[in-house]
Amino acid sequence: MLTAIILVLLLISFFFRMGSATVGAASVAAAVATVVALAGIAVIVRDIDDMRSEIETSMKEVKVRK
């Protein structure tokens, strides 16, 4: 995740050096969208892992009760 953020920031600095305000604004918007998407993916993966852990715990409890 940190690597992706660093890459996006490097891309932003590259486009700002090109001198075009429109290109700079577009690159900032793309960078923000990329970071938001990566954060969303991280949240989804974390939620799936949490659900998997809950299911495994429930299955162990069912086996113990039998």
PDB file of N, CA and C in Angstrom:
ATOM      1  N   MET A   1       0.827  -1.187   0.000  1.00  0.00           N
ATOM      2  CA  MET A   1       0.000   0.000   0.000  1.00  0.00           C
ATOM      3  C   MET A   1       0.874   1.256   0.000  1.00  0.00           C
ATOM      4  N   LEU A   2       1.891   1.255   0.854  1.00  0.00           N
ATOM      5  CA  LEU A   2       2.784   2.406   0.929  1.00  0.00           C
ATOM      6  C   LEU A   2       3.535   2.596  -0.383  1.00  0.00           C
ATOM      7  N   THR A   3       3.924   1.511  -1.012  1.00  0.00           N
ATOM      8  CA  THR A   3       4.624   1.594  -2.298  1.00  0.00           C
ATOM      9  C   THR A   3       3.735   2.236  -3.350  1.00  0.00           C
ATOM     10  N   ALA A   4       2.466   1.877  -3.362  1.00  0.00           N
ATOM     11  CA  ALA A   4       1.532   2.452  -4.333  1.00  0.00           C
ATOM     12  C   ALA A   4       1.368   3.951  -4.102  1.00  0.00           C
ATOM     13  N   ILE A   5       1.287   4.362  -2.852  1.00  0.00           N
ATOM     14  CA  ILE A   5       1.144   5.783  -2.547  1.00  0.00           C
ATOM     15  C   ILE A   5       2.384   6.550  -2.992  1.00  0.00           C
ATOM     16  N   ILE A   6       3.549   5.996  -2.747  1.00  0.00           N
ATOM     17  CA  ILE A   6       4.790   6.648  -3.174  1.00  0.00           C
ATOM     18  C   ILE A   6       4.841   6.758  -4.691  1.00  0.00           C
ATOM     19  N   LEU A   7       4.441   5.708  -5.382  1.00  0.00           N
ATOM     20  CA  LEU A   7       4.418   5.735  -6.845  1.00  0.00           C
ATOM     21  C   LEU A   7       3.472   6.810  -7.357  1.00  0.00           C
ATOM     22  N   VAL A   8       2.305   6.913  -6.763  1.00  0.00           N
ATOM     23  CA  VAL A   8       1.336   7.928  -7.177  1.00  0.00           C
ATOM     24  C   VAL A   8       1.893   9.327  -6.934  1.00  0.00           C
ATOM     25  N   LEU A   9       2.538   9.539  -5.801  1.00  0.00           N
ATOM     26  CA  LEU A   9       3.120  10.850  -5.525  1.00  0.00           C
ATOM     27  C   LEU A   9       4.235  11.194  -6.510  1.00  0.00           C
ATOM     28  N   LEU A  10       5.015  10.216  -6.910  1.00  0.00           N
ATOM     29  CA  LEU A  10       6.047  10.460  -7.926  1.00  0.00           C
ATOM     30  C   LEU A  10       5.425  10.833  -9.265  1.00  0.00           C
ATOM     31  N   LEU A  11       4.335  10.176  -9.616  1.00  0.00           N
ATOM     32  CA  LEU A  11       3.636  10.520 -10.858  1.00  0.00           C
ATOM     33  C   LEU A  11       3.089  11.939 -10.804  1.00  0.00           C
ATOM     34  N   ILE A  12       2.560  12.329  -9.660  1.00  0.00           N
ATOM     35  CA  ILE A  12       2.046  13.694  -9.513  1.00  0.00           C
ATOM     36  C   ILE A  12       3.171  14.705  -9.726  1.00  0.00           C
ATOM     37  N   SER A  13       4.302  14.479  -9.081  1.00  0.00           N
ATOM     38  CA  SER A  13       5.407  15.430  -9.221  1.00  0.00           C
ATOM     39  C   SER A  13       5.900  15.487 -10.667  1.00  0.00           C
ATOM     40  N   PHE A  14       5.880  14.362 -11.363  1.00  0.00           N
ATOM     41  CA  PHE A  14       6.291  14.342 -12.769  1.00  0.00           C
ATOM     42  C   PHE A  14       5.360  15.195 -13.614  1.00  0.00           C
ATOM     43  N   PHE A  15       4.046  15.042 -13.409  1.00  0.00           N
ATOM     44  CA  PHE A  15       3.093  15.799 -14.220  1.00  0.00           C
ATOM     45  C   PHE A  15       3.111  17.284 -13.882  1.00  0.00           C
ATOM     46  N   PHE A  16       3.378  17.642 -12.628  1.00  0.00           N
ATOM     47  CA  PHE A  16       3.460  19.056 -12.290  1.00  0.00           C
ATOM     48  C   PHE A  16       4.662  19.708 -12.959  1.00  0.00           C
ATOM     49  N   ARG A  17       5.708  18.969 -13.183  1.00  0.00           N
ATOM     50  CA  ARG A  17       6.889  19.518 -13.855  1.00  0.00           C
ATOM     51  C   ARG A  17       6.616  19.776 -15.332  1.00  0.00           C
ATOM     52  N   MET A  18       5.597  19.139 -15.877  1.00  0.00           N
ATOM     53  CA  MET A  18       5.284  19.340 -17.285  1.00  0.00           C
ATOM     54  C   MET A  18       4.711  20.733 -17.526  1.00  0.00           C
ATOM     55  N   GLY A  19       4.214  21.401 -16.484  1.00  0.00           N
ATOM     56  CA  GLY A  19       3.804  22.788 -16.614  1.00  0.00           C
ATOM     57  C   GLY A  19       2.347  23.014 -16.937  1.00  0.00           C
ATOM     58  N   SER A  20       1.617  22.027 -17.284  1.00  0.00           N
ATOM     59  CA  SER A  20       0.217  22.215 -17.632  1.00  0.00           C
ATOM     60  C   SER A  20      -0.643  22.053 -16.387  1.00  0.00           C
ATOM     61  N   ALA A  21      -1.414  23.076 -16.087  1.00  0.00           N
ATOM     62  CA  ALA A  21      -2.280  23.019 -14.903  1.00  0.00           C
ATOM     63  C   ALA A  21      -3.352  21.950 -15.069  1.00  0.00           C
ATOM     64  N   THR A  22      -3.853  21.796 -16.293  1.00  0.00           N
ATOM     65  CA  THR A  22      -4.890  20.795 -16.540  1.00  0.00           C
ATOM     66  C   THR A  22      -4.352  19.389 -16.332  1.00  0.00           C
ATOM     67  N   VAL A  23      -3.166  19.149 -16.850  1.00  0.00           N
ATOM     68  CA  VAL A  23      -2.546  17.833 -16.676  1.00  0.00           C
ATOM     69  C   VAL A  23      -2.238  17.601 -15.204  1.00  0.00           C
ATOM     70  N   GLY A  24      -1.771  18.631 -14.520  1.00  0.00           N
ATOM     71  CA  GLY A  24      -1.488  18.512 -13.093  1.00  0.00           C
ATOM     72  C   GLY A  24      -2.740  18.202 -12.292  1.00  0.00           C
ATOM     73  N   ALA A  25      -3.826  18.904 -12.604  1.00  0.00           N
ATOM     74  CA  ALA A  25      -5.085  18.664 -11.893  1.00  0.00           C
ATOM     75  C   ALA A  25      -5.614  17.267 -12.183  1.00  0.00           C
ATOM     76  N   ALA A  26      -5.486  16.848 -13.427  1.00  0.00           N
ATOM     77  CA  ALA A  26      -5.945  15.504 -13.791  1.00  0.00           C
ATOM     78  C   ALA A  26      -5.116  14.437 -13.089  1.00  0.00           C
ATOM     79  N   SER A  27      -3.827  14.680 -12.969  1.00  0.00           N
ATOM     80  CA  SER A  27      -2.979  13.689 -12.308  1.00  0.00           C
ATOM     81  C   SER A  27      -3.273  13.628 -10.816  1.00  0.00           C
ATOM     82  N   VAL A  28      -3.571  14.768 -10.209  1.00  0.00           N
ATOM     83  CA  VAL A  28      -3.939  14.770  -8.792  1.00  0.00           C
ATOM     84  C   VAL A  28      -5.244  14.014  -8.595  1.00  0.00           C
ATOM     85  N   ALA A  29      -6.208  14.260  -9.471  1.00  0.00           N
ATOM     86  CA  ALA A  29      -7.486  13.550  -9.371  1.00  0.00           C
ATOM     87  C   ALA A  29      -7.289  12.048  -9.541  1.00  0.00           C
ATOM     88  N   ALA A  30      -6.447  11.669 -10.484  1.00  0.00           N
ATOM     89  CA  ALA A  30      -6.172  10.246 -10.699  1.00  0.00           C
ATOM     90  C   ALA A  30      -5.449   9.643  -9.502  1.00  0.00           C
ATOM     91  N   ALA A  31      -4.533  10.400  -8.923  1.00  0.00           N
ATOM     92  CA  ALA A  31      -3.801   9.909  -7.756  1.00  0.00           C
ATOM     93  C   ALA A  31      -4.734   9.704  -6.570  1.00  0.00           C
ATOM     94  N   VAL A  32      -5.617  10.660  -6.350  1.00  0.00           N
ATOM     95  CA  VAL A  32      -6.576  10.536  -5.248  1.00  0.00           C
ATOM     96  C   VAL A  32      -7.489   9.341  -5.476  1.00  0.00           C
ATOM     97  N   ALA A  33      -7.974   9.187  -6.694  1.00  0.00           N
ATOM     98  CA  ALA A  33      -8.842   8.050  -7.003  1.00  0.00           C
ATOM     99  C   ALA A  33      -8.113   6.728  -6.802  1.00  0.00           C
ATOM    100  N   THR A  34      -6.846   6.690  -7.166  1.00  0.00           N
ATOM    101  CA  THR A  34      -6.056   5.467  -6.990  1.00  0.00           C
ATOM    102  C   THR A  34      -5.881   5.130  -5.516  1.00  0.00           C
ATOM    103  N   VAL A  35      -5.555   6.132  -4.718  1.00  0.00           N
ATOM    104  CA  VAL A  35      -5.364   5.901  -3.283  1.00  0.00           C
ATOM    105  C   VAL A  35      -6.672   5.457  -2.634  1.00  0.00           C
ATOM    106  N   VAL A  36      -7.781   6.086  -3.016  1.00  0.00           N
ATOM    107  CA  VAL A  36      -9.087   5.697  -2.468  1.00  0.00           C
ATOM    108  C   VAL A  36      -9.426   4.268  -2.868  1.00  0.00           C
ATOM    109  N   ALA A  37      -9.160   3.910  -4.119  1.00  0.00           N
ATOM    110  CA  ALA A  37      -9.437   2.545  -4.572  1.00  0.00           C
ATOM    111  C   ALA A  37      -8.579   1.529  -3.825  1.00  0.00           C
ATOM    112  N   LEU A  38      -7.309   1.831  -3.634  1.00  0.00           N
ATOM    113  CA  LEU A  38      -6.426   0.920  -2.898  1.00  0.00           C
ATOM    114  C   LEU A  38      -6.870   0.776  -1.446  1.00  0.00           C
ATOM    115  N   ALA A  39      -7.291   1.870  -0.842  1.00  0.00           N
ATOM    116  CA  ALA A  39      -7.786   1.800   0.535  1.00  0.00           C
ATOM    117  C   ALA A  39      -9.059   0.964   0.595  1.00  0.00           C
ATOM    118  N   GLY A  40      -9.924   1.118  -0.399  1.00  0.00           N
ATOM    119  CA  GLY A  40     -11.148   0.317  -0.448  1.00  0.00           C
ATOM    120  C   GLY A  40     -10.855  -1.158  -0.585  1.00  0.00           C
ATOM    121  N   ILE A  41      -9.898  -1.492  -1.412  1.00  0.00           N
ATOM    122  CA  ILE A  41      -9.516  -2.899  -1.582  1.00  0.00           C
ATOM    123  C   ILE A  41      -8.954  -3.452  -0.277  1.00  0.00           C
ATOM    124  N   ALA A  42      -8.146  -2.656   0.404  1.00  0.00           N
ATOM    125  CA  ALA A  42      -7.578  -3.102   1.683  1.00  0.00           C
ATOM    126  C   ALA A  42      -8.673  -3.366   2.707  1.00  0.00           C
ATOM    127  N   VAL A  43      -9.696  -2.520   2.736  1.00  0.00           N
ATOM    128  CA  VAL A  43     -10.811  -2.705   3.670  1.00  0.00           C
ATOM    129  C   VAL A  43     -11.588  -3.967   3.326  1.00  0.00           C
ATOM    130  N   ILE A  44     -11.827  -4.199   2.046  1.00  0.00           N
ATOM    131  CA  ILE A  44     -12.559  -5.397   1.624  1.00  0.00           C
ATOM    132  C   ILE A  44     -11.790  -6.655   2.002  1.00  0.00           C
ATOM    133  N   VAL A  45     -10.496  -6.666   1.747  1.00  0.00           N
ATOM    134  CA  VAL A  45      -9.675  -7.834   2.088  1.00  0.00           C
ATOM    135  C   VAL A  45      -9.686  -8.069   3.592  1.00  0.00           C
ATOM    136  N   ARG A  46      -9.581  -7.001   4.367  1.00  0.00           N
ATOM    137  CA  ARG A  46      -9.616  -7.134   5.828  1.00  0.00           C
ATOM    138  C   ARG A  46     -10.960  -7.694   6.295  1.00  0.00           C
ATOM    139  N   ASP A  47     -12.060  -7.198   5.710  1.00  0.00           N
ATOM    140  CA  ASP A  47     -13.385  -7.687   6.091  1.00  0.00           C
ATOM    141  C   ASP A  47     -13.558  -9.161   5.746  1.00  0.00           C
ATOM    142  N   ILE A  48     -13.071  -9.567   4.586  1.00  0.00           N
ATOM    143  CA  ILE A  48     -13.163 -10.978   4.192  1.00  0.00           C
ATOM    144  C   ILE A  48     -12.367 -11.843   5.154  1.00  0.00           C
ATOM    145  N   ASP A  49     -11.193 -11.383   5.534  1.00  0.00           N
ATOM    146  CA  ASP A  49     -10.372 -12.144   6.481  1.00  0.00           C
ATOM    147  C   ASP A  49     -11.056 -12.242   7.841  1.00  0.00           C
ATOM    148  N   ASP A  50     -11.685 -11.146   8.278  1.00  0.00           N
ATOM    149  CA  ASP A  50     -12.415 -11.174   9.550  1.00  0.00           C
ATOM    150  C   ASP A  50     -13.575 -12.164   9.499  1.00  0.00           C
ATOM    151  N   MET A  51     -14.311 -12.163   8.390  1.00  0.00           N
ATOM    152  CA  MET A  51     -15.428 -13.105   8.246  1.00  0.00           C
ATOM    153  C   MET A  51     -14.932 -14.545   8.241  1.00  0.00           C
ATOM    154  N   ARG A  52     -13.827 -14.789   7.569  1.00  0.00           N
ATOM    155  CA  ARG A  52     -13.260 -16.137   7.536  1.00  0.00           C
ATOM    156  C   ARG A  52     -12.889 -16.591   8.939  1.00  0.00           C
ATOM    157  N   SER A  53     -12.286 -15.701   9.702  1.00  0.00           N
ATOM    158  CA  SER A  53     -11.905 -16.038  11.077  1.00  0.00           C
ATOM    159  C   SER A  53     -13.133 -16.332  11.931  1.00  0.00           C
ATOM    160  N   GLU A  54     -14.192 -15.546  11.753  1.00  0.00           N
ATOM    161  CA  GLU A  54     -15.424 -15.777  12.509  1.00  0.00           C
ATOM    162  C   GLU A  54     -16.046 -17.122  12.152  1.00  0.00           C
ATOM    163  N   ILE A  55     -16.034 -17.458  10.878  1.00  0.00           N
ATOM    164  CA  ILE A  55     -16.592 -18.744  10.442  1.00  0.00           C
ATOM    165  C   ILE A  55     -15.777 -19.893  11.018  1.00  0.00           C
ATOM    166  N   GLU A  56     -14.458 -19.775  10.975  1.00  0.00           N
ATOM    167  CA  GLU A  56     -13.606 -20.834  11.534  1.00  0.00           C
ATOM    168  C   GLU A  56     -13.854 -21.003  13.030  1.00  0.00           C
ATOM    169  N   THR A  57     -13.995 -19.891  13.737  1.00  0.00           N
ATOM    170  CA  THR A  57     -14.265 -19.955  15.178  1.00  0.00           C
ATOM    171  C   THR A  57     -15.610 -20.615  15.441  1.00  0.00           C
ATOM    172  N   SER A  58     -16.616 -20.265  14.658  1.00  0.00           N
ATOM    173  CA  SER A  58     -17.944 -20.863  14.822  1.00  0.00           C
ATOM    174  C   SER A  58     -17.904 -22.359  14.552  1.00  0.00           C
ATOM    175  N   MET A  59     -17.167 -22.758  13.534  1.00  0.00           N
ATOM    176  CA  MET A  59     -17.066 -24.183  13.208  1.00  0.00           C
ATOM    177  C   MET A  59     -16.386 -24.943  14.348  1.00  0.00           C
ATOM    178  N   LYS A  60     -15.372 -24.357  14.953  1.00  0.00           N
ATOM    179  CA  LYS A  60     -14.694 -25.003  16.080  1.00  0.00           C
ATOM    180  C   LYS A  60     -15.640 -25.140  17.268  1.00  0.00           C
ATOM    181  N   GLU A  61     -16.465 -24.109  17.511  1.00  0.00           N
ATOM    182  CA  GLU A  61     -17.420 -24.167  18.616  1.00  0.00           C
ATOM    183  C   GLU A  61     -18.458 -25.258  18.388  1.00  0.00           C
ATOM    184  N   VAL A  62     -18.898 -25.417  17.159  1.00  0.00           N
ATOM    185  CA  VAL A  62     -19.883 -26.452  16.832  1.00  0.00           C
ATOM    186  C   VAL A  62     -19.270 -27.828  17.058  1.00  0.00           C
ATOM    187  N   LYS A  63     -18.019 -28.016  16.658  1.00  0.00           N
ATOM    188  CA  LYS A  63     -17.354 -29.307  16.848  1.00  0.00           C
ATOM    189  C   LYS A  63     -17.179 -29.623  18.330  1.00  0.00           C
ATOM    190  N   VAL A  64     -16.889 -28.609  19.137  1.00  0.00           N
ATOM    191  CA  VAL A  64     -16.691 -28.818  20.571  1.00  0.00           C
ATOM    192  C   VAL A  64     -18.007 -29.214  21.231  1.00  0.00           C
ATOM    193  N   ARG A  65     -19.117 -28.641  20.810  1.00  0.00           N
ATOM    194  CA  ARG A  65     -20.423 -28.925  21.403  1.00  0.00           C
ATOM    195  C   ARG A  65     -20.907 -30.333  21.102  1.00  0.00           C
ATOM    196  N   LYS A  66     -20.486 -30.911  19.990  1.00  0.00           N
ATOM    197  CA  LYS A  66     -20.954 -32.253  19.611  1.00  0.00           C
ATOM    198  C   LYS A  66     -20.368 -33.254  20.484  1.00  0.00           C
TER     199      LYS A  66
END
